[in-house]
Amino acid sequence: MVDLNNRQVEAEKIKERILQDVAAYYHLVHDRSEDEFAPETEKIHYAGRVFDEKEMINLAEASLEFWLTAGHFTQEFEAKLASFLGVRYALFVNSGSSANLLAFAALTSPRLGDRAIQRGDEVITVAAGFPTTVAPIIQFGAVPVFVDVDLPSGNVDPALLEKAYSSKTKAIVLAHTLGNPFPVKEVKDFCDAHGLWLIEDNCDALGSQYEGKYTGSFGDIGTSSFYPPHHLTTGEGGAVYTNDPILKRILLSLRDWGRDCWCASGTDDTCGCRFSGQFGELPQGYDHKYVYSHFGYNLKATDLQASIGCAQIEKLPRFIEARRKNWQFLRSQLDSLSEYFILPEPEIHSVPAWFGFLLTVRENAPFTRNEIVRFLEVNQVQTRMLFAGNLIKHPCFDSLRNNGNGYRIAGDLVHTDQIMNCSFWIGVYPGMSEKMLDKMVLLIRNFVKENRR
């Protein structure tokens, strides 16, 4: 016993030295002053990791524990995320795209009875966005019904929802574009009036508020991504969250292989009847840990990733504030160019946690989107399209287009095509310095000046 105690004391001393060295390593290698940015030669990325020694210490500590799969860091991160959003349940998963897959899969569960989404049911969404918002609809055999978006927001035009609705409609799946909330009240009222599910793809909007509540907390299920460009990062990673205990149980099952058991990793018999239940046509008392109520997946993330998230979420409020400040700087400095660009505006009743600054080149401008994008990229400013632009135009839709039954368009997609042809965005992430913002503004102003008629 004495020897064991001595080993534990020595191990703690070694661990403390390791973590001190990790902090020292961070300051030597990763800690940069804003003054080190060289505007003439250095690239301005649209997004990136913002971290300090705390993330690296957590990661080192998790690696020393060597639990590897979901453990106490995961439980802590899920609890902190749920508390931040003001929701009852949050589940950590391996990506934002997996979160979207899991969210939609949950709505197909037989446990939902008549409300479960079946093959051939319709789901209202938009084509101006990221593909994995829409992909699960198609992968489960449902039919996406596309409506146009509004400009300058890039979000759904709620006036078009009624036109898209049919007796087959079961759900609405929408993202908050670049952190700008879609018109939640109109969408939620429409869902409530017609008995529809609502999935909020909150991957680009963690920390955005609508009427004083965080986005992601209005729908039946919300999703997040923690890929490095997002509002906080765990490297790869994402989350799915809900207030509904039935949906939480379904989500947990689907995330963890489809099993019926809800025991956390490494624990047994949480239900107290592990060997006494009757499930399906299995023998009485079959081990509940190996009973499967869904055709599920393994979409769990690791405790190493969660350890990073535990440090990142403490910084989330200041990350959000920095994004808002950077966006507001760009908006004020580029306001004089509204003759050439459709400039972004926050949704009414909202306080966005901006993911990017969207610029749409006006159709009568003396230059094209491609021309200014090429200019900025050559001058070391990274740009991005508004993701797919018009998703229907992509090769992945060829087979659906040819069979004629894979999707439906309600009305036209005029603004969606305008975004595809004329829109791009630049970054506002917390790692942006004043020098970086100044350079972007100067380059855009100079480009416009040189290309005026």
Protein backbone atom coordinates (compact mmCIF):
# COMPACT_ATOMS: atom_id res chain seq x y z
CA MET A 1 0.00 0.00 0.00
CA VAL A 2 2.85 2.39 0.83
CA ASP A 3 4.48 1.59 -2.49
CA LEU A 4 1.21 2.24 -4.32
CA ASN A 5 0.78 5.57 -2.55
CA ASN A 6 4.36 6.55 -3.42
CA ARG A 7 3.75 5.68 -7.06
CA GLN A 8 0.61 7.82 -7.11
CA VAL A 9 2.46 10.76 -5.54
CA GLU A 10 5.32 10.41 -8.02
CA ALA A 11 2.87 10.10 -10.92
CA GLU A 12 1.14 13.33 -9.86
CA LYS A 13 4.50 15.13 -9.72
CA ILE A 14 5.38 13.92 -13.23
CA LYS A 15 1.95 14.93 -14.50
CA GLU A 16 2.32 18.40 -13.01
CA ARG A 17 5.72 18.82 -14.70
CA ILE A 18 4.29 17.65 -18.02
CA LEU A 19 1.41 20.09 -17.86
CA GLN A 20 3.76 22.93 -16.90
CA ASP A 21 5.94 22.04 -19.89
CA VAL A 22 2.89 21.97 -22.16
CA ALA A 23 2.00 25.51 -21.05
CA ALA A 24 5.60 26.63 -21.63
CA TYR A 25 5.54 24.99 -25.08
CA TYR A 26 2.35 26.87 -25.97
CA HIS A 27 3.93 30.22 -25.12
CA LEU A 28 7.07 29.41 -27.11
CA VAL A 29 5.39 28.03 -30.23
CA HIS A 30 1.76 29.19 -30.52
CA ASP A 31 1.46 32.46 -28.58
CA ARG A 32 1.58 35.31 -31.10
CA SER A 33 1.16 39.01 -30.68
CA GLU A 34 -1.04 40.95 -33.10
CA ASP A 35 2.03 43.05 -33.87
CA GLU A 36 3.66 40.04 -35.53
CA PHE A 37 1.19 40.13 -38.45
CA ALA A 38 2.90 41.32 -41.67
CA PRO A 39 0.19 42.92 -43.87
CA GLU A 40 2.40 42.95 -46.98
CA THR A 41 3.11 39.23 -47.11
CA GLU A 42 0.99 37.28 -44.66
CA LYS A 43 -2.27 35.59 -45.64
CA ILE A 44 -5.51 36.57 -43.90
CA HIS A 45 -7.48 33.40 -43.38
CA TYR A 46 -11.27 33.45 -43.33
CA ALA A 47 -11.21 31.49 -40.05
CA GLY A 48 -8.92 29.58 -37.74
CA ARG A 49 -8.28 28.15 -34.30
CA VAL A 50 -8.10 30.57 -31.37
CA PHE A 51 -6.76 28.91 -28.23
CA ASP A 52 -4.29 29.22 -25.39
CA GLU A 53 -2.44 26.91 -23.03
CA LYS A 54 -5.68 25.75 -21.36
CA GLU A 55 -6.79 23.73 -24.39
CA MET A 56 -3.37 22.12 -24.70
CA ILE A 57 -3.22 21.33 -20.97
CA ASN A 58 -6.67 19.73 -21.10
CA LEU A 59 -5.67 17.70 -24.14
CA ALA A 60 -2.45 16.55 -22.47
CA GLU A 61 -4.35 15.61 -19.33
CA ALA A 62 -6.90 13.61 -21.35
CA SER A 63 -4.10 11.83 -23.20
CA LEU A 64 -2.40 10.90 -19.90
CA GLU A 65 -5.67 9.44 -18.64
CA PHE A 66 -5.81 7.48 -21.91
CA TRP A 67 -9.56 6.83 -21.65
CA LEU A 68 -9.77 7.87 -25.35
CA THR A 69 -13.51 7.28 -25.92
CA ALA A 70 -16.29 9.37 -24.33
CA GLY A 71 -15.68 9.93 -20.60
CA HIS A 72 -15.80 12.61 -17.95
CA PHE A 73 -14.61 15.40 -20.27
CA THR A 74 -17.46 14.51 -22.65
CA GLN A 75 -20.00 14.62 -19.84
CA GLU A 76 -18.64 17.99 -18.68
CA PHE A 77 -18.68 19.45 -22.19
CA GLU A 78 -22.22 18.24 -22.91
CA ALA A 79 -23.45 19.73 -19.62
CA LYS A 80 -21.75 23.08 -20.25
CA LEU A 81 -23.09 23.28 -23.81
CA ALA A 82 -26.64 22.48 -22.71
CA SER A 83 -26.39 25.06 -19.93
CA PHE A 84 -25.10 27.72 -22.32
CA LEU A 85 -27.90 27.13 -24.83
CA GLY A 86 -30.59 26.77 -22.18
CA VAL A 87 -31.64 23.30 -23.36
CA ARG A 88 -32.15 20.10 -21.36
CA TYR A 89 -29.95 17.71 -23.33
CA ALA A 90 -26.84 17.94 -25.51
CA LEU A 91 -24.96 15.03 -27.05
CA PHE A 92 -21.39 15.34 -28.34
CA VAL A 93 -20.79 13.74 -31.77
CA ASN A 94 -17.92 13.47 -34.23
CA SER A 95 -18.93 16.30 -36.63
CA GLY A 96 -21.61 18.83 -37.46
CA SER A 97 -22.58 16.77 -40.50
CA SER A 98 -23.03 13.73 -38.26
CA ALA A 99 -25.17 15.92 -36.00
CA ASN A 100 -27.44 16.75 -38.95
CA LEU A 101 -27.60 13.08 -39.94
CA LEU A 102 -28.46 12.10 -36.37
CA ALA A 103 -31.09 14.83 -36.02
CA PHE A 104 -32.94 13.77 -39.15
CA ALA A 105 -32.56 10.07 -38.43
CA ALA A 106 -34.22 10.61 -35.05
CA LEU A 107 -37.34 11.93 -36.77
CA THR A 108 -37.67 8.64 -38.69
CA SER A 109 -37.78 6.54 -35.50
CA PRO A 110 -40.75 4.16 -35.20
CA ARG A 111 -41.05 5.38 -31.59
CA LEU A 112 -42.58 8.59 -32.95
CA GLY A 113 -45.62 6.76 -34.33
CA ASP A 114 -47.59 8.61 -37.01
CA ARG A 115 -45.28 11.63 -36.78
CA ALA A 116 -42.24 9.62 -37.90
CA ILE A 117 -40.90 10.69 -41.27
CA GLN A 118 -41.35 7.95 -43.89
CA ARG A 119 -39.92 7.48 -47.37
CA GLY A 120 -41.72 9.81 -49.76
CA ASP A 121 -42.63 12.36 -47.08
CA GLU A 122 -41.68 15.94 -47.88
CA VAL A 123 -39.33 18.26 -45.99
CA ILE A 124 -39.15 21.99 -46.68
CA THR A 125 -35.64 23.44 -46.90
CA VAL A 126 -33.45 25.76 -49.01
CA ALA A 127 -30.81 25.07 -51.65
CA ALA A 128 -28.58 28.00 -50.66
CA GLY A 129 -26.44 26.43 -48.00
CA PHE A 130 -24.21 23.56 -46.95
CA PRO A 131 -24.90 20.12 -48.50
CA THR A 132 -25.09 18.11 -45.29
CA THR A 133 -28.05 20.17 -44.11
CA VAL A 134 -30.03 18.61 -46.96
CA ALA A 135 -28.23 15.29 -47.54
CA PRO A 136 -29.94 13.34 -44.69
CA ILE A 137 -33.37 14.15 -46.17
CA ILE A 138 -32.37 12.41 -49.39
CA GLN A 139 -30.42 9.61 -47.69
CA PHE A 140 -33.54 8.58 -45.76
CA GLY A 141 -35.73 8.60 -48.86
CA ALA A 142 -37.69 11.75 -48.04
CA VAL A 143 -38.25 14.49 -50.62
CA PRO A 144 -36.67 17.93 -50.12
CA VAL A 145 -38.91 20.78 -51.20
CA PHE A 146 -36.79 23.82 -51.98
CA VAL A 147 -37.92 27.40 -51.48
CA ASP A 148 -36.03 30.57 -52.26
CA VAL A 149 -34.14 32.71 -49.79
CA ASP A 150 -34.17 36.39 -49.04
CA LEU A 151 -31.40 38.87 -49.67
CA PRO A 152 -29.38 40.22 -47.97
CA SER A 153 -29.84 37.56 -45.28
CA GLY A 154 -29.47 34.41 -47.38
CA ASN A 155 -32.14 32.87 -45.13
CA VAL A 156 -35.48 31.34 -46.05
CA ASP A 157 -38.24 33.67 -47.18
CA PRO A 158 -41.07 32.64 -44.80
CA ALA A 159 -43.71 33.98 -47.20
CA LEU A 160 -42.92 31.03 -49.47
CA LEU A 161 -43.54 28.27 -46.91
CA GLU A 162 -47.27 27.98 -47.58
CA LYS A 163 -46.62 27.43 -51.28
CA ALA A 164 -44.21 24.61 -50.44
CA TYR A 165 -46.59 22.87 -48.03
CA SER A 166 -48.54 19.75 -49.02
CA SER A 167 -50.31 16.89 -47.30
CA LYS A 168 -46.98 15.01 -47.40
CA THR A 169 -45.00 17.68 -45.53
CA LYS A 170 -43.58 16.42 -42.24
CA ALA A 171 -40.74 18.80 -41.31
CA ILE A 172 -38.72 21.93 -41.99
CA VAL A 173 -34.93 21.79 -41.92
CA LEU A 174 -33.10 25.14 -42.05
CA ALA A 175 -29.73 26.63 -41.18
CA HIS A 176 -29.05 30.07 -39.74
CA THR A 177 -26.96 31.52 -42.57
CA LEU A 178 -23.48 32.70 -41.53
CA GLY A 179 -24.74 33.25 -37.98
CA ASN A 180 -27.70 35.41 -39.00
CA PRO A 181 -30.87 33.82 -37.56
CA PHE A 182 -33.60 32.89 -39.99
CA PRO A 183 -36.99 34.46 -39.13
CA VAL A 184 -37.63 32.06 -36.28
CA LYS A 185 -41.07 33.29 -35.24
CA GLU A 186 -42.63 32.96 -38.68
CA VAL A 187 -41.04 29.55 -39.26
CA LYS A 188 -41.93 28.24 -35.80
CA ASP A 189 -45.51 29.51 -36.07
CA PHE A 190 -45.84 27.77 -39.43
CA CYS A 191 -44.53 24.50 -37.96
CA ASP A 192 -46.88 24.72 -35.01
CA ALA A 193 -49.87 25.48 -37.24
CA HIS A 194 -49.21 22.42 -39.43
CA GLY A 195 -47.80 20.00 -36.85
CA LEU A 196 -44.32 19.92 -38.44
CA TRP A 197 -40.96 19.04 -36.94
CA LEU A 198 -38.29 21.77 -36.99
CA ILE A 199 -34.58 21.03 -37.16
CA GLU A 200 -32.31 24.04 -36.64
CA ASP A 201 -28.92 23.64 -38.26
CA ASN A 202 -27.08 25.91 -35.84
CA CYS A 203 -23.61 24.97 -37.08
CA ASP A 204 -22.74 28.52 -38.18
CA ALA A 205 -24.65 30.34 -35.45
CA LEU A 206 -23.65 29.15 -31.98
CA GLY A 207 -24.32 32.10 -29.68
CA SER A 208 -26.72 33.92 -32.01
CA GLN A 209 -29.85 35.19 -30.30
CA TYR A 210 -33.38 35.69 -31.50
CA GLU A 211 -35.83 37.51 -29.23
CA GLY A 212 -33.43 36.95 -26.34
CA LYS A 213 -33.04 33.17 -26.76
CA TYR A 214 -30.15 31.30 -28.34
CA THR A 215 -30.68 29.83 -31.77
CA GLY A 216 -30.74 26.07 -31.73
CA SER A 217 -33.13 26.09 -28.77
CA PHE A 218 -36.32 26.87 -30.74
CA GLY A 219 -36.65 23.74 -32.86
CA ASP A 220 -37.33 20.17 -31.88
CA ILE A 221 -33.63 19.44 -32.48
CA GLY A 222 -30.64 21.75 -32.96
CA THR A 223 -27.18 20.93 -34.28
CA SER A 224 -23.68 22.41 -33.98
CA SER A 225 -20.30 21.94 -35.64
CA PHE A 226 -16.99 22.34 -33.83
CA TYR A 227 -14.74 22.15 -36.90
CA PRO A 228 -11.88 24.70 -36.51
CA PRO A 229 -13.56 27.60 -38.40
CA HIS A 230 -16.63 27.52 -36.16
CA HIS A 231 -17.53 29.46 -33.03
CA LEU A 232 -15.64 27.01 -30.85
CA THR A 233 -13.55 24.04 -31.91
CA THR A 234 -12.78 20.52 -30.83
CA GLY A 235 -10.94 19.80 -34.10
CA GLU A 236 -13.51 17.50 -35.63
CA GLY A 237 -16.72 17.39 -33.62
CA GLY A 238 -20.30 18.51 -33.32
CA ALA A 239 -23.37 18.30 -31.14
CA VAL A 240 -27.07 17.62 -31.28
CA TYR A 241 -29.46 19.02 -28.66
CA THR A 242 -33.10 18.97 -27.68
CA ASN A 243 -35.56 19.64 -24.86
CA ASP A 244 -37.62 16.53 -25.62
CA PRO A 245 -36.76 13.48 -23.46
CA ILE A 246 -38.15 11.06 -26.06
CA LEU A 247 -36.05 12.60 -28.83
CA LYS A 248 -33.02 12.59 -26.53
CA ARG A 249 -33.43 8.86 -25.94
CA ILE A 250 -33.74 8.24 -29.70
CA LEU A 251 -30.73 10.44 -30.48
CA LEU A 252 -28.64 8.64 -27.88
CA SER A 253 -29.63 5.26 -29.28
CA LEU A 254 -28.83 6.23 -32.87
CA ARG A 255 -25.52 7.82 -31.90
CA ASP A 256 -24.45 4.71 -29.98
CA TRP A 257 -24.91 1.87 -32.50
CA GLY A 258 -28.72 1.87 -32.24
CA ARG A 259 -28.67 0.21 -28.83
CA ASP A 260 -31.61 0.37 -26.46
CA CYS A 261 -29.36 0.70 -23.39
CA TRP A 262 -28.49 4.22 -22.19
CA CYS A 263 -25.55 3.36 -19.92
CA ALA A 264 -22.59 5.70 -20.28
CA SER A 265 -19.37 4.21 -21.63
CA GLY A 266 -17.72 2.06 -18.96
CA THR A 267 -20.84 1.69 -16.78
CA ASP A 268 -23.37 -1.13 -16.50
CA ASP A 269 -26.97 -1.66 -15.37
CA THR A 270 -28.05 1.98 -15.08
CA CYS A 271 -31.63 0.82 -15.59
CA GLY A 272 -31.40 -1.76 -12.80
CA CYS A 273 -32.92 -4.46 -15.02
CA ARG A 274 -30.06 -5.36 -17.32
CA PHE A 275 -30.87 -9.09 -17.29
CA SER A 276 -34.60 -9.07 -16.62
CA GLY A 277 -36.23 -7.29 -19.58
CA GLN A 278 -38.15 -8.62 -22.58
CA PHE A 279 -37.22 -7.05 -25.93
CA GLY A 280 -38.60 -8.00 -29.32
CA GLU A 281 -38.31 -11.73 -29.88
CA LEU A 282 -35.12 -12.05 -27.85
CA PRO A 283 -34.96 -14.50 -24.93
CA GLN A 284 -36.27 -13.15 -21.61
CA GLY A 285 -33.46 -11.39 -19.72
CA TYR A 286 -31.18 -10.93 -22.74
CA ASP A 287 -28.35 -8.50 -21.81
CA HIS A 288 -29.83 -5.01 -22.28
CA LYS A 289 -26.41 -3.67 -23.33
CA TYR A 290 -26.79 -5.69 -26.52
CA VAL A 291 -30.39 -4.92 -27.39
CA TYR A 292 -30.84 -2.71 -30.47
CA SER A 293 -33.96 -0.60 -30.95
CA HIS A 294 -32.74 1.30 -34.05
CA PHE A 295 -30.49 0.78 -37.04
CA GLY A 296 -27.89 3.16 -35.68
CA TYR A 297 -24.33 4.37 -36.07
CA ASN A 298 -21.26 5.03 -34.01
CA LEU A 299 -21.10 8.82 -34.13
CA LYS A 300 -19.43 9.40 -30.77
CA ALA A 301 -16.45 11.71 -30.41
CA THR A 302 -13.53 11.17 -28.02
CA ASP A 303 -12.69 12.54 -24.61
CA LEU A 304 -9.57 14.11 -26.11
CA GLN A 305 -11.79 16.26 -28.33
CA ALA A 306 -14.18 17.01 -25.49
CA SER A 307 -11.29 18.15 -23.29
CA ILE A 308 -10.55 20.88 -25.84
CA GLY A 309 -14.22 21.83 -25.92
CA CYS A 310 -14.30 22.22 -22.14
CA ALA A 311 -11.62 24.93 -22.40
CA GLN A 312 -13.10 26.50 -25.54
CA ILE A 313 -16.62 26.91 -24.18
CA GLU A 314 -15.28 29.08 -21.34
CA LYS A 315 -14.03 31.47 -24.05
CA LEU A 316 -17.21 31.34 -26.12
CA PRO A 317 -18.75 34.62 -24.83
CA ARG A 318 -15.65 36.63 -25.78
CA PHE A 319 -15.37 34.76 -29.09
CA ILE A 320 -18.94 35.80 -29.88
CA GLU A 321 -18.28 39.41 -28.88
CA ALA A 322 -15.16 39.52 -31.07
CA ARG A 323 -17.11 38.21 -34.07
CA ARG A 324 -19.77 40.87 -33.57
CA LYS A 325 -17.18 43.61 -33.21
CA ASN A 326 -15.28 42.53 -36.33
CA TRP A 327 -18.49 42.25 -38.36
CA GLN A 328 -19.62 45.70 -37.25
CA PHE A 329 -16.25 47.19 -38.22
CA LEU A 330 -16.51 45.76 -41.73
CA ARG A 331 -20.14 46.85 -42.02
CA SER A 332 -19.36 50.46 -41.07
CA GLN A 333 -16.21 50.68 -43.19
CA LEU A 334 -17.84 49.22 -46.31
CA ASP A 335 -21.16 51.04 -45.99
CA SER A 336 -20.12 53.59 -48.62
CA LEU A 337 -19.85 50.79 -51.19
CA SER A 338 -23.55 49.87 -51.09
CA GLU A 339 -23.82 51.07 -54.70
CA TYR A 340 -21.73 48.03 -55.68
CA PHE A 341 -22.59 45.44 -53.04
CA ILE A 342 -25.69 44.20 -51.29
CA LEU A 343 -24.42 44.47 -47.74
CA PRO A 344 -25.54 42.15 -44.92
CA GLU A 345 -28.12 43.12 -42.33
CA PRO A 346 -29.08 41.31 -39.11
CA GLU A 347 -32.49 39.65 -38.98
CA ILE A 348 -35.05 41.74 -37.10
CA HIS A 349 -35.29 40.84 -33.37
CA SER A 350 -31.88 39.14 -33.54
CA VAL A 351 -28.35 39.60 -32.23
CA PRO A 352 -26.21 37.41 -34.50
CA ALA A 353 -22.96 35.71 -33.56
CA TRP A 354 -21.60 36.20 -37.06
CA PHE A 355 -19.74 33.42 -38.87
CA GLY A 356 -18.74 35.57 -41.83
CA PHE A 357 -19.35 38.83 -43.67
CA LEU A 358 -21.48 38.24 -46.78
CA LEU A 359 -21.01 40.44 -49.84
CA THR A 360 -23.24 40.16 -52.90
CA VAL A 361 -22.02 41.98 -55.99
CA ARG A 362 -24.90 43.93 -57.52
CA GLU A 363 -25.91 42.94 -61.04
CA ASN A 364 -25.17 46.44 -62.37
CA ALA A 365 -21.73 46.64 -60.74
CA PRO A 366 -18.77 47.27 -63.11
CA PHE A 367 -17.10 44.05 -61.94
CA THR A 368 -18.08 40.48 -61.19
CA ARG A 369 -17.92 38.36 -58.07
CA ASN A 370 -15.18 36.25 -59.64
CA GLU A 371 -13.07 39.30 -60.43
CA ILE A 372 -13.06 40.69 -56.90
CA VAL A 373 -12.57 37.23 -55.39
CA ARG A 374 -9.53 36.62 -57.59
CA PHE A 375 -8.16 40.05 -56.62
CA LEU A 376 -8.54 39.37 -52.92
CA GLU A 377 -7.05 35.89 -53.13
CA VAL A 378 -4.03 37.12 -55.10
CA ASN A 379 -3.56 39.73 -52.38
CA GLN A 380 -3.56 37.13 -49.62
CA VAL A 381 -7.15 37.49 -48.39
CA GLN A 382 -8.99 34.19 -48.18
CA THR A 383 -12.59 34.17 -49.42
CA ARG A 384 -15.39 31.63 -49.44
CA MET A 385 -18.57 31.10 -51.45
CA LEU A 386 -21.85 30.81 -49.59
CA PHE A 387 -21.17 27.08 -49.57
CA ALA A 388 -23.06 25.25 -52.34
CA GLY A 389 -24.61 28.41 -53.81
CA ASN A 390 -27.47 26.51 -55.37
CA LEU A 391 -27.15 22.90 -54.26
CA ILE A 392 -29.47 21.65 -57.03
CA LYS A 393 -26.90 22.66 -59.65
CA HIS A 394 -24.25 20.29 -58.27
CA PRO A 395 -23.33 16.89 -59.79
CA CYS A 396 -24.73 15.04 -56.75
CA PHE A 397 -28.21 16.09 -57.93
CA ASP A 398 -27.83 14.69 -61.46
CA SER A 399 -29.47 11.35 -60.67
CA LEU A 400 -32.29 13.00 -58.71
CA ARG A 401 -32.90 15.43 -61.53
CA ASN A 402 -33.05 12.63 -64.08
CA ASN A 403 -35.57 10.47 -62.23
CA GLY A 404 -37.90 13.42 -61.68
CA ASN A 405 -39.04 12.36 -58.20
CA GLY A 406 -36.04 13.17 -56.03
CA TYR A 407 -36.96 16.73 -55.07
CA ARG A 408 -39.43 19.52 -55.66
CA ILE A 409 -39.05 23.28 -56.13
CA ALA A 410 -41.82 25.53 -54.83
CA GLY A 411 -41.77 28.66 -56.97
CA ASP A 412 -38.42 29.80 -58.32
CA LEU A 413 -34.94 30.16 -56.84
CA VAL A 414 -34.03 33.61 -58.14
CA HIS A 415 -32.16 34.78 -55.04
CA THR A 416 -30.54 31.38 -54.62
CA ASP A 417 -29.10 31.67 -58.13
CA GLN A 418 -28.07 35.25 -57.39
CA ILE A 419 -26.09 34.00 -54.39
CA MET A 420 -24.53 31.26 -56.53
CA ASN A 421 -23.39 33.80 -59.13
CA CYS A 422 -22.72 36.97 -57.14
CA SER A 423 -22.03 36.27 -53.45
CA PHE A 424 -18.93 35.54 -51.38
CA TRP A 425 -17.83 36.12 -47.82
CA ILE A 426 -14.79 37.07 -45.80
CA GLY A 427 -13.91 36.24 -42.22
CA VAL A 428 -14.76 37.85 -38.90
CA TYR A 429 -13.36 35.17 -36.60
CA PRO A 430 -11.86 36.12 -33.21
CA GLY A 431 -8.29 35.76 -34.48
CA MET A 432 -8.75 38.77 -36.78
CA SER A 433 -6.57 41.71 -35.73
CA GLU A 434 -7.17 45.38 -36.53
CA LYS A 435 -4.38 45.19 -39.09
CA MET A 436 -6.09 42.30 -40.84
CA LEU A 437 -9.46 44.05 -40.90
CA ASP A 438 -7.87 47.28 -42.13
CA LYS A 439 -6.12 45.43 -44.95
CA MET A 440 -9.34 43.75 -46.12
CA VAL A 441 -11.22 47.05 -46.14
CA LEU A 442 -8.40 48.82 -47.98
CA LEU A 443 -8.17 46.12 -50.64
CA ILE A 444 -11.92 46.11 -51.29
CA ARG A 445 -12.06 49.90 -51.48
CA ASN A 446 -9.07 50.04 -53.81
CA PHE A 447 -10.52 47.34 -56.06
CA VAL A 448 -13.80 49.22 -56.38
CA LYS A 449 -11.99 52.50 -57.03
CA GLU A 450 -9.89 50.98 -59.79
CA ASN A 451 -12.88 49.30 -61.41
CA ARG A 452 -15.37 52.14 -61.40
CA ARG A 453 -16.71 53.12 -64.78
